[in-house]
Amino acid sequence: ENEFQTLVSEGKFLEWAEFAGAKYGTLKEPVDQALTSGKNVLLEIEIEGARQVRKLRPEAKLVFLKPPDFAALEERIRGRATESEERIRARLDLARVEMAAADEFDEIIVNHQVDEVVAALVALASQ
């Protein structure tokens, strides 16, 4: 906790957020190193993190992965059978908020099948 807070206060994160009592973040340095070496960087982050990236790196291409519909999302989450009902409800509530923010992104990919999403992401990276 203390080390994380130090990194936040020193501005070492490209983005960071707290979710379900845990803190997550992406350090700037490894991202910058990858970009400098000519690589594309893919971050799997939530909405607040994407907003932070947009502020710090306006040239970044933000892609929203959207479920086919809300029922499919709920089915996927429940199908994992890894979380309590309370946690499932919290995830679904957050998903509603996130889906409402999809228009803040440069691209929206509907997540029907993993292989389709991967192909779409690869195509975007090669543009």
C-alpha atoms as a PDB file:
ATOM      1  CA  GLU A   1       0.000   0.000   0.000  1.00  0.00           C
ATOM      2  CA  ASN A   2       2.740   2.471   0.957  1.00  0.00           C
ATOM      3  CA  GLU A   3       4.830   1.675  -2.117  1.00  0.00           C
ATOM      4  CA  PHE A   4       1.794   2.039  -4.373  1.00  0.00           C
ATOM      5  CA  GLN A   5       0.939   5.430  -2.854  1.00  0.00           C
ATOM      6  CA  THR A   6       4.538   6.559  -3.306  1.00  0.00           C
ATOM      7  CA  LEU A   7       4.413   5.608  -6.993  1.00  0.00           C
ATOM      8  CA  VAL A   8       1.127   7.509  -7.372  1.00  0.00           C
ATOM      9  CA  SER A   9       2.496  10.628  -5.686  1.00  0.00           C
ATOM     10  CA  GLU A  10       5.659  10.494  -7.827  1.00  0.00           C
ATOM     11  CA  GLY A  11       3.587  10.297 -11.020  1.00  0.00           C
ATOM     12  CA  LYS A  12       5.056   6.943 -12.046  1.00  0.00           C
ATOM     13  CA  PHE A  13       1.766   5.507 -13.297  1.00  0.00           C
ATOM     14  CA  LEU A  14       0.315   6.024 -16.747  1.00  0.00           C
ATOM     15  CA  GLU A  15      -2.991   5.060 -15.151  1.00  0.00           C
ATOM     16  CA  TRP A  16      -4.169   3.574 -11.913  1.00  0.00           C
ATOM     17  CA  ALA A  17      -7.430   2.764 -10.179  1.00  0.00           C
ATOM     18  CA  GLU A  18      -8.957   1.063  -7.209  1.00  0.00           C
ATOM     19  CA  PHE A  19     -11.452  -1.690  -7.904  1.00  0.00           C
ATOM     20  CA  ALA A  20     -13.168  -3.927  -5.364  1.00  0.00           C
ATOM     21  CA  GLY A  21     -10.724  -2.963  -2.642  1.00  0.00           C
ATOM     22  CA  ALA A  22      -7.602  -3.651  -4.713  1.00  0.00           C
ATOM     23  CA  LYS A  23      -5.394  -1.132  -6.489  1.00  0.00           C
ATOM     24  CA  TYR A  24      -4.127  -1.624 -10.006  1.00  0.00           C
ATOM     25  CA  GLY A  25      -1.875   0.468 -12.178  1.00  0.00           C
ATOM     26  CA  THR A  26       0.283   0.623 -15.287  1.00  0.00           C
ATOM     27  CA  LEU A  27       3.742   2.060 -14.860  1.00  0.00           C
ATOM     28  CA  LYS A  28       4.800   4.622 -17.470  1.00  0.00           C
ATOM     29  CA  GLU A  29       8.370   3.403 -17.914  1.00  0.00           C
ATOM     30  CA  PRO A  30       7.739  -0.073 -19.411  1.00  0.00           C
ATOM     31  CA  VAL A  31       5.085   1.369 -21.730  1.00  0.00           C
ATOM     32  CA  ASP A  32       7.451   4.095 -22.889  1.00  0.00           C
ATOM     33  CA  GLN A  33      10.249   1.568 -23.441  1.00  0.00           C
ATOM     34  CA  ALA A  34       8.009  -0.653 -25.569  1.00  0.00           C
ATOM     35  CA  LEU A  35       6.745   2.282 -27.627  1.00  0.00           C
ATOM     36  CA  THR A  36      10.270   3.608 -28.132  1.00  0.00           C
ATOM     37  CA  SER A  37      11.336   0.208 -29.461  1.00  0.00           C
ATOM     38  CA  GLY A  38       8.515   0.339 -32.013  1.00  0.00           C
ATOM     39  CA  LYS A  39       6.101  -2.036 -30.320  1.00  0.00           C
ATOM     40  CA  ASN A  40       2.379  -1.570 -29.871  1.00  0.00           C
ATOM     41  CA  VAL A  41       1.120  -1.663 -26.300  1.00  0.00           C
ATOM     42  CA  LEU A  42      -2.239  -3.098 -25.302  1.00  0.00           C
ATOM     43  CA  LEU A  43      -3.585  -2.266 -21.854  1.00  0.00           C
ATOM     44  CA  GLU A  44      -6.585  -4.015 -20.357  1.00  0.00           C
ATOM     45  CA  ILE A  45      -7.902  -1.275 -18.104  1.00  0.00           C
ATOM     46  CA  GLU A  46     -11.186   0.109 -16.842  1.00  0.00           C
ATOM     47  CA  ILE A  47     -12.881   3.389 -17.723  1.00  0.00           C
ATOM     48  CA  GLU A  48     -11.132   5.657 -15.219  1.00  0.00           C
ATOM     49  CA  GLY A  49      -7.774   4.300 -16.313  1.00  0.00           C
ATOM     50  CA  ALA A  50      -8.661   4.930 -19.955  1.00  0.00           C
ATOM     51  CA  ARG A  51      -9.586   8.505 -19.088  1.00  0.00           C
ATOM     52  CA  GLN A  52      -6.209   8.988 -17.416  1.00  0.00           C
ATOM     53  CA  VAL A  53      -4.429   7.575 -20.470  1.00  0.00           C
ATOM     54  CA  ARG A  54      -6.434   9.927 -22.716  1.00  0.00           C
ATOM     55  CA  LYS A  55      -5.216  12.925 -20.665  1.00  0.00           C
ATOM     56  CA  LEU A  56      -1.570  11.864 -20.570  1.00  0.00           C
ATOM     57  CA  ARG A  57      -1.363  10.360 -24.060  1.00  0.00           C
ATOM     58  CA  PRO A  58      -3.979  11.941 -26.322  1.00  0.00           C
ATOM     59  CA  GLU A  59      -2.455  10.094 -29.282  1.00  0.00           C
ATOM     60  CA  ALA A  60      -3.371   6.711 -27.753  1.00  0.00           C
ATOM     61  CA  LYS A  61      -6.090   4.769 -29.524  1.00  0.00           C
ATOM     62  CA  LEU A  62      -8.705   3.748 -26.987  1.00  0.00           C
ATOM     63  CA  VAL A  63     -10.736   0.633 -27.786  1.00  0.00           C
ATOM     64  CA  PHE A  64     -13.866  -0.358 -25.897  1.00  0.00           C
ATOM     65  CA  LEU A  65     -14.677  -4.071 -25.766  1.00  0.00           C
ATOM     66  CA  LYS A  66     -18.430  -4.277 -25.549  1.00  0.00           C
ATOM     67  CA  PRO A  67     -20.469  -7.371 -24.748  1.00  0.00           C
ATOM     68  CA  PRO A  68     -23.033  -8.403 -27.386  1.00  0.00           C
ATOM     69  CA  ASP A  69     -25.701  -7.314 -24.908  1.00  0.00           C
ATOM     70  CA  PHE A  70     -26.163  -6.987 -21.176  1.00  0.00           C
ATOM     71  CA  ALA A  71     -27.785 -10.415 -20.807  1.00  0.00           C
ATOM     72  CA  ALA A  72     -24.763 -12.058 -22.444  1.00  0.00           C
ATOM     73  CA  LEU A  73     -22.447 -10.232 -20.079  1.00  0.00           C
ATOM     74  CA  GLU A  74     -24.416 -11.361 -17.044  1.00  0.00           C
ATOM     75  CA  GLU A  75     -24.445 -14.928 -18.346  1.00  0.00           C
ATOM     76  CA  ARG A  76     -20.661 -14.862 -18.808  1.00  0.00           C
ATOM     77  CA  ILE A  77     -20.025 -13.507 -15.319  1.00  0.00           C
ATOM     78  CA  ARG A  78     -22.415 -15.952 -13.666  1.00  0.00           C
ATOM     79  CA  GLY A  79     -21.108 -18.822 -15.788  1.00  0.00           C
ATOM     80  CA  ARG A  80     -17.659 -18.471 -14.267  1.00  0.00           C
ATOM     81  CA  ALA A  81     -19.129 -19.387 -10.874  1.00  0.00           C
ATOM     82  CA  THR A  82     -16.194 -17.711  -9.143  1.00  0.00           C
ATOM     83  CA  GLU A  83     -17.849 -14.786  -7.383  1.00  0.00           C
ATOM     84  CA  SER A  84     -20.454 -14.140  -4.728  1.00  0.00           C
ATOM     85  CA  GLU A  85     -23.855 -12.740  -5.640  1.00  0.00           C
ATOM     86  CA  GLU A  86     -22.866  -9.418  -4.076  1.00  0.00           C
ATOM     87  CA  ARG A  87     -19.715  -9.252  -6.186  1.00  0.00           C
ATOM     88  CA  ILE A  88     -21.675 -10.199  -9.321  1.00  0.00           C
ATOM     89  CA  ARG A  89     -24.160  -7.382  -8.697  1.00  0.00           C
ATOM     90  CA  ALA A  90     -21.291  -4.924  -8.169  1.00  0.00           C
ATOM     91  CA  ARG A  91     -19.641  -6.015 -11.428  1.00  0.00           C
ATOM     92  CA  LEU A  92     -22.918  -5.681 -13.319  1.00  0.00           C
ATOM     93  CA  ASP A  93     -23.551  -2.220 -11.859  1.00  0.00           C
ATOM     94  CA  LEU A  94     -20.070  -1.157 -12.934  1.00  0.00           C
ATOM     95  CA  ALA A  95     -20.645  -2.646 -16.384  1.00  0.00           C
ATOM     96  CA  ARG A  96     -23.720  -0.448 -16.847  1.00  0.00           C
ATOM     97  CA  VAL A  97     -21.644   2.644 -16.068  1.00  0.00           C
ATOM     98  CA  GLU A  98     -18.822   1.505 -18.341  1.00  0.00           C
ATOM     99  CA  MET A  99     -21.130   0.684 -21.252  1.00  0.00           C
ATOM    100  CA  ALA A 100     -22.614   4.171 -20.996  1.00  0.00           C
ATOM    101  CA  ALA A 101     -19.099   5.591 -21.502  1.00  0.00           C
ATOM    102  CA  ALA A 102     -18.348   3.637 -24.694  1.00  0.00           C
ATOM    103  CA  ASP A 103     -18.661   6.765 -26.829  1.00  0.00           C
ATOM    104  CA  GLU A 104     -15.523   8.175 -25.144  1.00  0.00           C
ATOM    105  CA  PHE A 105     -13.456   5.597 -27.026  1.00  0.00           C
ATOM    106  CA  ASP A 106     -12.002   5.746 -30.530  1.00  0.00           C
ATOM    107  CA  GLU A 107     -13.181   2.263 -31.482  1.00  0.00           C
ATOM    108  CA  ILE A 108     -15.810  -0.136 -30.185  1.00  0.00           C
ATOM    109  CA  ILE A 109     -15.412  -3.875 -30.727  1.00  0.00           C
ATOM    110  CA  VAL A 110     -18.289  -6.181 -29.858  1.00  0.00           C
ATOM    111  CA  ASN A 111     -16.924  -9.169 -27.965  1.00  0.00           C
ATOM    112  CA  HIS A 112     -18.779 -12.067 -29.589  1.00  0.00           C
ATOM    113  CA  GLN A 113     -15.806 -14.434 -29.851  1.00  0.00           C
ATOM    114  CA  VAL A 114     -12.255 -14.093 -28.567  1.00  0.00           C
ATOM    115  CA  ASP A 115     -10.692 -14.878 -31.950  1.00  0.00           C
ATOM    116  CA  GLU A 116     -12.784 -12.140 -33.591  1.00  0.00           C
ATOM    117  CA  VAL A 117     -11.695  -9.611 -30.973  1.00  0.00           C
ATOM    118  CA  VAL A 118      -8.046 -10.565 -31.419  1.00  0.00           C
ATOM    119  CA  ALA A 119      -8.320 -10.201 -35.200  1.00  0.00           C
ATOM    120  CA  ALA A 120      -9.965  -6.789 -34.821  1.00  0.00           C
ATOM    121  CA  LEU A 121      -7.278  -5.611 -32.396  1.00  0.00           C
ATOM    122  CA  VAL A 122      -4.489  -6.825 -34.676  1.00  0.00           C
ATOM    123  CA  ALA A 123      -6.117  -5.006 -37.601  1.00  0.00           C
ATOM    124  CA  LEU A 124      -6.294  -1.800 -35.559  1.00  0.00           C
ATOM    125  CA  ALA A 125      -2.665  -2.116 -34.525  1.00  0.00           C
ATOM    126  CA  SER A 126      -1.566  -2.411 -38.150  1.00  0.00           C
ATOM    127  CA  GLN A 127      -3.349   0.813 -39.228  1.00  0.00           C
END
